[in-house]
Amino acid sequence: MGMRLLFACILAALVAVPALALAQGPRAVREQLESSMVLTGTIDVAPDGGVSDYSIDRATDVPDGVLGLLARFVPAWRFEPVRVDGQPATVRAFMSVRVVARKLDGDNYSVSIRNTNFSRENPRARAAGDPGNSMRPPRYPVAAARAGVSGTVYTVLRIGPDGRVLDAFAEQVDLRVIASEHAMTRWRKLMADSALNAARSWVFRSATPEDAGEDGWIVRVPVDYALGVEDRYGRWLAYVPGPWQPPPWAGVQLAGGPGALPASGVFPVARELQLLTPVGGD
């Protein structure tokens, strides 16, 4: 019964995506549609790199089938042991996990853990609520709002030692709408331009030794364009993932794309926890 309800929720999320241009939506774009949820929590890593404990925020809001998937795989994860003063240590990290569902055939769906993100520092402590940051929100593109287009722009920023943005790049734009490929490209550009125009004026608090070099540091900042205020945590959200393009100035530091980032927060690129095992299958 739990899995049947899980699949019913996935189907509802897929149906909820608005279609523009054609009633059924262009087939090439519709085939890219997937549904996912990003969950947050904490994870405790033992001195040997094994997982000693983990917790998911607001677990009562998360479908039982998803919690079961995490319970099957997370305890088996292995990390590169963390050393403190040269000795292996137990560490607690903030984590986010993206669980993705894709329709196969008939009533069959593939549900798997797609990506993970780990940070020893609370990513939301660096967001707009931090009094040391100045982050003016971007304006919602008028044309996109009128057309009912929503989505998320994953920006990558290179921050100078003084906290000012030196470079800004949109590495991926996911849209919660179905339209022609030409229209989807247009919506992605409108949202990316709006996010980057705002990001270039942001000022962050001074860098810390953990994430800053002589030239500053690199962070990811998701910018979510949503029509209306809605708590989506623990619910399937259908979207069309955009192509991933790494910033030309970031080198190999950004391999893998934005992955499991929630829709808000400031996420340093340098990870302090390195996962050694696969995240989890179907």
C-alpha atoms as a PDB file:
ATOM      1  CA  MET A   1       0.000   0.000   0.000  1.00  0.00           C
ATOM      2  CA  GLY A   2       2.844   2.370   0.852  1.00  0.00           C
ATOM      3  CA  MET A   3       4.574   1.916  -2.515  1.00  0.00           C
ATOM      4  CA  ARG A   4       1.254   2.221  -4.381  1.00  0.00           C
ATOM      5  CA  LEU A   5       0.651   5.546  -2.643  1.00  0.00           C
ATOM      6  CA  LEU A   6       4.227   6.585  -3.441  1.00  0.00           C
ATOM      7  CA  PHE A   7       3.691   5.955  -7.172  1.00  0.00           C
ATOM      8  CA  ALA A   8       0.326   7.724  -7.099  1.00  0.00           C
ATOM      9  CA  CYS A   9       2.065  10.817  -5.690  1.00  0.00           C
ATOM     10  CA  ILE A  10       4.717  10.613  -8.407  1.00  0.00           C
ATOM     11  CA  LEU A  11       2.038  10.431 -11.100  1.00  0.00           C
ATOM     12  CA  ALA A  12       0.235  13.429  -9.618  1.00  0.00           C
ATOM     13  CA  ALA A  13       3.451  15.437  -9.691  1.00  0.00           C
ATOM     14  CA  LEU A  14       4.106  14.566 -13.324  1.00  0.00           C
ATOM     15  CA  VAL A  15       0.588  15.506 -14.383  1.00  0.00           C
ATOM     16  CA  ALA A  16       0.800  18.838 -12.530  1.00  0.00           C
ATOM     17  CA  VAL A  17       3.501  20.282 -14.798  1.00  0.00           C
ATOM     18  CA  PRO A  18       1.897  22.942 -17.063  1.00  0.00           C
ATOM     19  CA  ALA A  19       2.229  22.455 -20.813  1.00  0.00           C
ATOM     20  CA  LEU A  20       2.608  25.404 -23.169  1.00  0.00           C
ATOM     21  CA  ALA A  21       2.226  25.596 -26.943  1.00  0.00           C
ATOM     22  CA  LEU A  22       0.559  22.173 -27.463  1.00  0.00           C
ATOM     23  CA  ALA A  23      -2.057  20.508 -25.249  1.00  0.00           C
ATOM     24  CA  GLN A  24       0.038  17.347 -24.836  1.00  0.00           C
ATOM     25  CA  GLY A  25       3.388  19.148 -24.888  1.00  0.00           C
ATOM     26  CA  PRO A  26       6.187  18.523 -27.385  1.00  0.00           C
ATOM     27  CA  ARG A  27       7.195  14.866 -27.193  1.00  0.00           C
ATOM     28  CA  ALA A  28      10.962  15.482 -27.119  1.00  0.00           C
ATOM     29  CA  VAL A  29      10.643  17.710 -24.047  1.00  0.00           C
ATOM     30  CA  ARG A  30       8.063  15.532 -22.311  1.00  0.00           C
ATOM     31  CA  GLU A  31      10.404  12.537 -22.526  1.00  0.00           C
ATOM     32  CA  GLN A  32      12.950  14.493 -20.449  1.00  0.00           C
ATOM     33  CA  LEU A  33      10.459  15.014 -17.622  1.00  0.00           C
ATOM     34  CA  GLU A  34      11.358  13.591 -14.242  1.00  0.00           C
ATOM     35  CA  SER A  35      10.163  14.040 -10.697  1.00  0.00           C
ATOM     36  CA  SER A  36      12.311  14.456  -7.616  1.00  0.00           C
ATOM     37  CA  MET A  37      12.521  15.671  -4.061  1.00  0.00           C
ATOM     38  CA  VAL A  38      15.500  17.071  -2.183  1.00  0.00           C
ATOM     39  CA  LEU A  39      15.710  16.059   1.464  1.00  0.00           C
ATOM     40  CA  THR A  40      18.003  17.528   4.102  1.00  0.00           C
ATOM     41  CA  GLY A  41      19.382  16.246   7.370  1.00  0.00           C
ATOM     42  CA  THR A  42      22.579  15.296   9.163  1.00  0.00           C
ATOM     43  CA  ILE A  43      24.930  12.340   8.975  1.00  0.00           C
ATOM     44  CA  ASP A  44      27.472  11.072  11.528  1.00  0.00           C
ATOM     45  CA  VAL A  45      30.628   9.504  10.132  1.00  0.00           C
ATOM     46  CA  ALA A  46      32.713   7.249  12.363  1.00  0.00           C
ATOM     47  CA  PRO A  47      36.535   7.352  12.491  1.00  0.00           C
ATOM     48  CA  ASP A  48      36.704   4.376  10.092  1.00  0.00           C
ATOM     49  CA  GLY A  49      34.541   6.189   7.512  1.00  0.00           C
ATOM     50  CA  GLY A  50      31.368   4.224   8.177  1.00  0.00           C
ATOM     51  CA  VAL A  51      27.989   5.795   8.932  1.00  0.00           C
ATOM     52  CA  SER A  52      27.176   5.629  12.645  1.00  0.00           C
ATOM     53  CA  ASP A  53      23.887   7.525  12.421  1.00  0.00           C
ATOM     54  CA  TYR A  54      21.845   9.833  10.212  1.00  0.00           C
ATOM     55  CA  SER A  55      18.613  11.815  10.421  1.00  0.00           C
ATOM     56  CA  ILE A  56      16.214  13.307   7.873  1.00  0.00           C
ATOM     57  CA  ASP A  57      14.576  16.642   8.588  1.00  0.00           C
ATOM     58  CA  ARG A  58      10.788  16.538   8.934  1.00  0.00           C
ATOM     59  CA  ALA A  59      10.718  12.786   8.346  1.00  0.00           C
ATOM     60  CA  THR A  60       6.962  12.643   8.999  1.00  0.00           C
ATOM     61  CA  ASP A  61       6.459  14.747   5.841  1.00  0.00           C
ATOM     62  CA  VAL A  62       8.437  12.308   3.666  1.00  0.00           C
ATOM     63  CA  PRO A  63       6.754   9.315   1.919  1.00  0.00           C
ATOM     64  CA  ASP A  64       7.444   5.993   3.644  1.00  0.00           C
ATOM     65  CA  GLY A  65       8.757   4.521   0.391  1.00  0.00           C
ATOM     66  CA  VAL A  66      11.455   7.209   0.177  1.00  0.00           C
ATOM     67  CA  LEU A  67      12.454   6.775   3.820  1.00  0.00           C
ATOM     68  CA  GLY A  68      12.733   3.039   3.155  1.00  0.00           C
ATOM     69  CA  LEU A  69      14.993   3.666   0.162  1.00  0.00           C
ATOM     70  CA  LEU A  70      17.304   5.808   2.303  1.00  0.00           C
ATOM     71  CA  ALA A  71      17.291   3.256   5.131  1.00  0.00           C
ATOM     72  CA  ARG A  72      18.407   0.607   2.652  1.00  0.00           C
ATOM     73  CA  PHE A  73      21.423   2.493   1.305  1.00  0.00           C
ATOM     74  CA  VAL A  74      22.608   5.274   3.658  1.00  0.00           C
ATOM     75  CA  PRO A  75      23.879   2.992   6.487  1.00  0.00           C
ATOM     76  CA  ALA A  76      26.097   1.212   3.920  1.00  0.00           C
ATOM     77  CA  TRP A  77      27.816   4.373   2.704  1.00  0.00           C
ATOM     78  CA  ARG A  78      31.543   4.670   3.291  1.00  0.00           C
ATOM     79  CA  PHE A  79      33.474   7.928   3.459  1.00  0.00           C
ATOM     80  CA  GLU A  80      37.106   8.901   3.371  1.00  0.00           C
ATOM     81  CA  PRO A  81      37.932   9.094   7.103  1.00  0.00           C
ATOM     82  CA  VAL A  82      38.212  12.625   8.443  1.00  0.00           C
ATOM     83  CA  ARG A  83      41.295  13.482  10.467  1.00  0.00           C
ATOM     84  CA  VAL A  84      41.404  16.083  13.211  1.00  0.00           C
ATOM     85  CA  ASP A  85      44.883  16.973  14.456  1.00  0.00           C
ATOM     86  CA  GLY A  86      46.170  13.999  12.499  1.00  0.00           C
ATOM     87  CA  GLN A  87      43.845  11.451  14.107  1.00  0.00           C
ATOM     88  CA  PRO A  88      40.681   9.834  12.632  1.00  0.00           C
ATOM     89  CA  ALA A  89      37.642  11.486  14.194  1.00  0.00           C
ATOM     90  CA  THR A  90      33.869  11.215  14.354  1.00  0.00           C
ATOM     91  CA  VAL A  91      32.265  14.085  12.447  1.00  0.00           C
ATOM     92  CA  ARG A  92      28.728  15.300  11.911  1.00  0.00           C
ATOM     93  CA  ALA A  93      27.874  16.901   8.577  1.00  0.00           C
ATOM     94  CA  PHE A  94      24.860  18.542   7.017  1.00  0.00           C
ATOM     95  CA  MET A  95      23.631  16.552   4.054  1.00  0.00           C
ATOM     96  CA  SER A  96      21.131  16.878   1.253  1.00  0.00           C
ATOM     97  CA  VAL A  97      19.909  14.023  -0.920  1.00  0.00           C
ATOM     98  CA  ARG A  98      18.048  14.127  -4.237  1.00  0.00           C
ATOM     99  CA  VAL A  99      15.690  11.214  -4.856  1.00  0.00           C
ATOM    100  CA  VAL A 100      14.538  10.955  -8.480  1.00  0.00           C
ATOM    101  CA  ALA A 101      11.653   9.110 -10.100  1.00  0.00           C
ATOM    102  CA  ARG A 102      11.391   8.433 -13.822  1.00  0.00           C
ATOM    103  CA  LYS A 103       8.508   6.737 -15.586  1.00  0.00           C
ATOM    104  CA  LEU A 104       9.514   3.546 -17.404  1.00  0.00           C
ATOM    105  CA  ASP A 105       6.508   1.833 -18.978  1.00  0.00           C
ATOM    106  CA  GLY A 106       2.961   1.156 -17.887  1.00  0.00           C
ATOM    107  CA  ASP A 107       2.747   1.769 -14.130  1.00  0.00           C
ATOM    108  CA  ASN A 108       6.469   1.187 -13.566  1.00  0.00           C
ATOM    109  CA  TYR A 109       8.780   3.843 -12.183  1.00  0.00           C
ATOM    110  CA  SER A 110      12.480   3.933 -11.427  1.00  0.00           C
ATOM    111  CA  VAL A 111      13.094   5.541  -8.017  1.00  0.00           C
ATOM    112  CA  SER A 112      16.692   6.081  -6.961  1.00  0.00           C
ATOM    113  CA  ILE A 113      19.084   8.302  -5.041  1.00  0.00           C
ATOM    114  CA  ARG A 114      20.584  10.571  -7.688  1.00  0.00           C
ATOM    115  CA  ASN A 115      22.990  12.862  -5.848  1.00  0.00           C
ATOM    116  CA  THR A 116      24.240  13.868  -2.423  1.00  0.00           C
ATOM    117  CA  ASN A 117      25.842  16.934  -0.913  1.00  0.00           C
ATOM    118  CA  PHE A 118      27.743  17.135   2.386  1.00  0.00           C
ATOM    119  CA  SER A 119      29.033  20.110   4.327  1.00  0.00           C
ATOM    120  CA  ARG A 120      30.562  20.493   7.771  1.00  0.00           C
ATOM    121  CA  GLU A 121      29.055  23.983   7.898  1.00  0.00           C
ATOM    122  CA  ASN A 122      25.328  24.704   7.716  1.00  0.00           C
ATOM    123  CA  PRO A 123      24.839  25.986   4.128  1.00  0.00           C
ATOM    124  CA  ARG A 124      21.861  28.104   5.120  1.00  0.00           C
ATOM    125  CA  ALA A 125      24.038  30.013   7.601  1.00  0.00           C
ATOM    126  CA  ARG A 126      25.626  31.656   4.562  1.00  0.00           C
ATOM    127  CA  ALA A 127      22.340  32.569   2.919  1.00  0.00           C
ATOM    128  CA  ALA A 128      20.500  35.878   2.885  1.00  0.00           C
ATOM    129  CA  GLY A 129      19.621  35.618   6.574  1.00  0.00           C
ATOM    130  CA  ASP A 130      23.289  35.993   7.532  1.00  0.00           C
ATOM    131  CA  PRO A 131      23.772  39.638   8.565  1.00  0.00           C
ATOM    132  CA  GLY A 132      27.231  39.525   6.995  1.00  0.00           C
ATOM    133  CA  ASN A 133      25.790  38.926   3.532  1.00  0.00           C
ATOM    134  CA  SER A 134      24.129  41.342   1.121  1.00  0.00           C
ATOM    135  CA  MET A 135      22.024  39.340  -1.347  1.00  0.00           C
ATOM    136  CA  ARG A 136      19.343  41.338  -3.140  1.00  0.00           C
ATOM    137  CA  PRO A 137      16.799  38.865  -4.583  1.00  0.00           C
ATOM    138  CA  PRO A 138      16.541  38.803  -8.390  1.00  0.00           C
ATOM    139  CA  ARG A 139      13.412  40.021 -10.127  1.00  0.00           C
ATOM    140  CA  TYR A 140      11.034  37.449 -11.577  1.00  0.00           C
ATOM    141  CA  PRO A 141      11.131  37.854 -15.384  1.00  0.00           C
ATOM    142  CA  VAL A 142       7.781  39.430 -16.286  1.00  0.00           C
ATOM    143  CA  ALA A 143       7.278  37.318 -19.417  1.00  0.00           C
ATOM    144  CA  ALA A 144       7.930  34.100 -17.495  1.00  0.00           C
ATOM    145  CA  ALA A 145       5.560  35.073 -14.683  1.00  0.00           C
ATOM    146  CA  ARG A 146       2.780  35.941 -17.113  1.00  0.00           C
ATOM    147  CA  ALA A 147       3.226  32.586 -18.872  1.00  0.00           C
ATOM    148  CA  GLY A 148       3.209  30.665 -15.595  1.00  0.00           C
ATOM    149  CA  VAL A 149       6.800  29.475 -15.994  1.00  0.00           C
ATOM    150  CA  SER A 150       8.718  28.534 -12.849  1.00  0.00           C
ATOM    151  CA  GLY A 151      12.101  26.915 -12.334  1.00  0.00           C
ATOM    152  CA  THR A 152      15.452  26.898 -10.561  1.00  0.00           C
ATOM    153  CA  VAL A 153      18.710  28.496 -11.714  1.00  0.00           C
ATOM    154  CA  TYR A 154      21.873  26.931 -10.261  1.00  0.00           C
ATOM    155  CA  THR A 155      24.459  29.684 -10.159  1.00  0.00           C
ATOM    156  CA  VAL A 156      28.182  29.267  -9.550  1.00  0.00           C
ATOM    157  CA  LEU A 157      29.990  32.264  -8.088  1.00  0.00           C
ATOM    158  CA  ARG A 158      33.658  33.031  -7.662  1.00  0.00           C
ATOM    159  CA  ILE A 159      34.014  35.188  -4.562  1.00  0.00           C
ATOM    160  CA  GLY A 160      36.991  37.447  -3.948  1.00  0.00           C
ATOM    161  CA  PRO A 161      38.747  37.733  -0.568  1.00  0.00           C
ATOM    162  CA  ASP A 162      36.700  40.860   0.139  1.00  0.00           C
ATOM    163  CA  GLY A 163      33.421  38.962  -0.299  1.00  0.00           C
ATOM    164  CA  ARG A 164      32.479  40.496  -3.655  1.00  0.00           C
ATOM    165  CA  VAL A 165      31.455  38.412  -6.655  1.00  0.00           C
ATOM    166  CA  LEU A 166      34.212  38.240  -9.267  1.00  0.00           C
ATOM    167  CA  ASP A 167      32.517  35.827 -11.703  1.00  0.00           C
ATOM    168  CA  ALA A 168      28.984  34.490 -11.991  1.00  0.00           C
ATOM    169  CA  PHE A 169      27.765  31.631 -14.188  1.00  0.00           C
ATOM    170  CA  ALA A 170      24.505  29.666 -14.566  1.00  0.00           C
ATOM    171  CA  GLU A 171      25.537  26.030 -14.850  1.00  0.00           C
ATOM    172  CA  GLN A 172      22.023  24.595 -15.083  1.00  0.00           C
ATOM    173  CA  VAL A 173      18.400  25.791 -15.286  1.00  0.00           C
ATOM    174  CA  ASP A 174      15.603  23.328 -14.481  1.00  0.00           C
ATOM    175  CA  LEU A 175      12.095  24.319 -15.610  1.00  0.00           C
ATOM    176  CA  ARG A 176       8.728  23.267 -14.251  1.00  0.00           C
ATOM    177  CA  VAL A 177       6.935  23.630 -17.583  1.00  0.00           C
ATOM    178  CA  ILE A 178       6.660  21.801 -20.884  1.00  0.00           C
ATOM    179  CA  ALA A 179       7.016  23.713 -24.152  1.00  0.00           C
ATOM    180  CA  SER A 180       8.921  23.491 -27.410  1.00  0.00           C
ATOM    181  CA  GLU A 181      12.706  23.220 -27.261  1.00  0.00           C
ATOM    182  CA  HIS A 182      12.944  26.770 -28.628  1.00  0.00           C
ATOM    183  CA  ALA A 183      10.632  28.122 -25.917  1.00  0.00           C
ATOM    184  CA  MET A 184      12.426  26.179 -23.176  1.00  0.00           C
ATOM    185  CA  THR A 185      15.738  27.710 -24.270  1.00  0.00           C
ATOM    186  CA  ARG A 186      14.170  31.169 -24.113  1.00  0.00           C
ATOM    187  CA  TRP A 187      12.758  30.654 -20.602  1.00  0.00           C
ATOM    188  CA  ARG A 188      16.069  29.301 -19.354  1.00  0.00           C
ATOM    189  CA  LYS A 189      17.951  32.328 -20.674  1.00  0.00           C
ATOM    190  CA  LEU A 190      15.461  34.783 -19.154  1.00  0.00           C
ATOM    191  CA  MET A 191      15.751  33.198 -15.717  1.00  0.00           C
ATOM    192  CA  ALA A 192      19.527  32.785 -15.914  1.00  0.00           C
ATOM    193  CA  ASP A 193      20.041  36.422 -16.943  1.00  0.00           C
ATOM    194  CA  SER A 194      17.848  37.633 -14.089  1.00  0.00           C
ATOM    195  CA  ALA A 195      19.659  35.490 -11.502  1.00  0.00           C
ATOM    196  CA  LEU A 196      23.128  36.485 -12.701  1.00  0.00           C
ATOM    197  CA  ASN A 197      22.311  40.201 -12.840  1.00  0.00           C
ATOM    198  CA  ALA A 198      21.367  40.059  -9.171  1.00  0.00           C
ATOM    199  CA  ALA A 199      24.225  37.752  -8.158  1.00  0.00           C
ATOM    200  CA  ARG A 200      26.902  40.077  -9.521  1.00  0.00           C
ATOM    201  CA  SER A 201      25.899  42.673  -6.920  1.00  0.00           C
ATOM    202  CA  TRP A 202      25.956  40.310  -3.950  1.00  0.00           C
ATOM    203  CA  VAL A 203      28.501  40.709  -1.170  1.00  0.00           C
ATOM    204  CA  PHE A 204      29.328  37.837   1.193  1.00  0.00           C
ATOM    205  CA  ARG A 205      30.893  37.833   4.598  1.00  0.00           C
ATOM    206  CA  SER A 206      34.656  37.441   4.755  1.00  0.00           C
ATOM    207  CA  ALA A 207      35.976  34.062   3.678  1.00  0.00           C
ATOM    208  CA  THR A 208      37.107  31.568   6.281  1.00  0.00           C
ATOM    209  CA  PRO A 209      40.356  29.543   6.115  1.00  0.00           C
ATOM    210  CA  GLU A 210      38.377  26.349   5.456  1.00  0.00           C
ATOM    211  CA  ASP A 211      36.976  27.420   2.093  1.00  0.00           C
ATOM    212  CA  ALA A 212      39.118  30.330   0.918  1.00  0.00           C
ATOM    213  CA  GLY A 213      42.387  30.579  -0.933  1.00  0.00           C
ATOM    214  CA  GLU A 214      44.407  33.587  -1.918  1.00  0.00           C
ATOM    215  CA  ASP A 215      42.008  34.250  -4.789  1.00  0.00           C
ATOM    216  CA  GLY A 216      38.843  33.707  -2.742  1.00  0.00           C
ATOM    217  CA  TRP A 217      36.468  30.775  -2.981  1.00  0.00           C
ATOM    218  CA  ILE A 218      33.708  29.244  -5.122  1.00  0.00           C
ATOM    219  CA  VAL A 219      30.105  28.665  -4.053  1.00  0.00           C
ATOM    220  CA  ARG A 220      26.885  27.420  -5.582  1.00  0.00           C
ATOM    221  CA  VAL A 221      23.719  29.433  -4.938  1.00  0.00           C
ATOM    222  CA  PRO A 222      20.398  28.067  -6.269  1.00  0.00           C
ATOM    223  CA  VAL A 223      17.865  30.730  -7.273  1.00  0.00           C
ATOM    224  CA  ASP A 224      14.285  29.429  -7.272  1.00  0.00           C
ATOM    225  CA  TYR A 225      11.558  31.164  -9.274  1.00  0.00           C
ATOM    226  CA  ALA A 226       8.224  29.995  -7.877  1.00  0.00           C
ATOM    227  CA  LEU A 227       4.718  31.354  -8.418  1.00  0.00           C
ATOM    228  CA  GLY A 228       3.130  31.629  -5.008  1.00  0.00           C
ATOM    229  CA  VAL A 229       4.487  30.453  -1.659  1.00  0.00           C
ATOM    230  CA  GLU A 230       4.275  26.700  -1.152  1.00  0.00           C
ATOM    231  CA  ASP A 231       6.052  24.285   1.150  1.00  0.00           C
ATOM    232  CA  ARG A 232       7.273  21.554  -1.206  1.00  0.00           C
ATOM    233  CA  TYR A 233       9.448  19.648   1.248  1.00  0.00           C
ATOM    234  CA  GLY A 234       8.790  15.913   1.119  1.00  0.00           C
ATOM    235  CA  ARG A 235       6.691  16.185  -2.062  1.00  0.00           C
ATOM    236  CA  TRP A 236       7.495  15.093  -5.583  1.00  0.00           C
ATOM    237  CA  LEU A 237       8.288  18.032  -7.831  1.00  0.00           C
ATOM    238  CA  ALA A 238       8.160  17.446 -11.588  1.00  0.00           C
ATOM    239  CA  TYR A 239      10.564  19.358 -13.812  1.00  0.00           C
ATOM    240  CA  VAL A 240      12.558  19.229 -17.028  1.00  0.00           C
ATOM    241  CA  PRO A 241      16.293  19.262 -16.171  1.00  0.00           C
ATOM    242  CA  GLY A 242      18.357  21.672 -18.229  1.00  0.00           C
ATOM    243  CA  PRO A 243      21.738  20.913 -19.778  1.00  0.00           C
ATOM    244  CA  TRP A 244      24.709  21.219 -17.457  1.00  0.00           C
ATOM    245  CA  GLN A 245      27.558  23.524 -18.444  1.00  0.00           C
ATOM    246  CA  PRO A 246      30.554  24.065 -16.125  1.00  0.00           C
ATOM    247  CA  PRO A 247      31.980  27.573 -15.790  1.00  0.00           C
ATOM    248  CA  PRO A 248      35.055  28.005 -17.994  1.00  0.00           C
ATOM    249  CA  TRP A 249      37.029  29.332 -15.022  1.00  0.00           C
ATOM    250  CA  ALA A 250      36.197  26.547 -12.518  1.00  0.00           C
ATOM    251  CA  GLY A 251      38.312  23.699 -13.902  1.00  0.00           C
ATOM    252  CA  VAL A 252      37.635  20.256 -12.442  1.00  0.00           C
ATOM    253  CA  GLN A 253      36.293  21.534  -9.125  1.00  0.00           C
ATOM    254  CA  LEU A 254      32.684  21.385 -10.287  1.00  0.00           C
ATOM    255  CA  ALA A 255      32.537  17.888 -11.767  1.00  0.00           C
ATOM    256  CA  GLY A 256      29.059  16.422 -11.414  1.00  0.00           C
ATOM    257  CA  GLY A 257      26.799  19.468 -11.572  1.00  0.00           C
ATOM    258  CA  PRO A 258      24.613  20.955  -8.836  1.00  0.00           C
ATOM    259  CA  GLY A 259      23.400  17.520  -7.745  1.00  0.00           C
ATOM    260  CA  ALA A 260      21.365  17.527  -4.543  1.00  0.00           C
ATOM    261  CA  LEU A 261      21.221  21.183  -3.617  1.00  0.00           C
ATOM    262  CA  PRO A 262      18.048  22.479  -1.950  1.00  0.00           C
ATOM    263  CA  ALA A 263      16.371  25.515  -3.511  1.00  0.00           C
ATOM    264  CA  SER A 264      18.010  27.908  -1.038  1.00  0.00           C
ATOM    265  CA  GLY A 265      21.382  28.238   0.644  1.00  0.00           C
ATOM    266  CA  VAL A 266      25.006  29.031  -0.125  1.00  0.00           C
ATOM    267  CA  PHE A 267      27.090  25.914  -0.766  1.00  0.00           C
ATOM    268  CA  PRO A 268      30.912  26.001  -0.859  1.00  0.00           C
ATOM    269  CA  VAL A 269      32.191  23.814  -3.694  1.00  0.00           C
ATOM    270  CA  ALA A 270      35.010  22.255  -1.700  1.00  0.00           C
ATOM    271  CA  ARG A 271      33.569  19.232   0.113  1.00  0.00           C
ATOM    272  CA  GLU A 272      34.935  18.190   3.459  1.00  0.00           C
ATOM    273  CA  LEU A 273      33.400  14.706   3.225  1.00  0.00           C
ATOM    274  CA  GLN A 274      34.214  12.403   0.325  1.00  0.00           C
ATOM    275  CA  LEU A 275      31.748   9.598  -0.335  1.00  0.00           C
ATOM    276  CA  LEU A 276      33.547   6.474  -1.576  1.00  0.00           C
ATOM    277  CA  THR A 277      30.587   4.194  -2.325  1.00  0.00           C
ATOM    278  CA  PRO A 278      27.704   4.512  -4.825  1.00  0.00           C
ATOM    279  CA  VAL A 279      24.787   6.558  -3.490  1.00  0.00           C
ATOM    280  CA  GLY A 280      22.105   3.944  -4.171  1.00  0.00           C
ATOM    281  CA  GLY A 281      20.269   2.093  -6.900  1.00  0.00           C
ATOM    282  CA  ASP A 282      16.618   1.672  -7.845  1.00  0.00           C
END
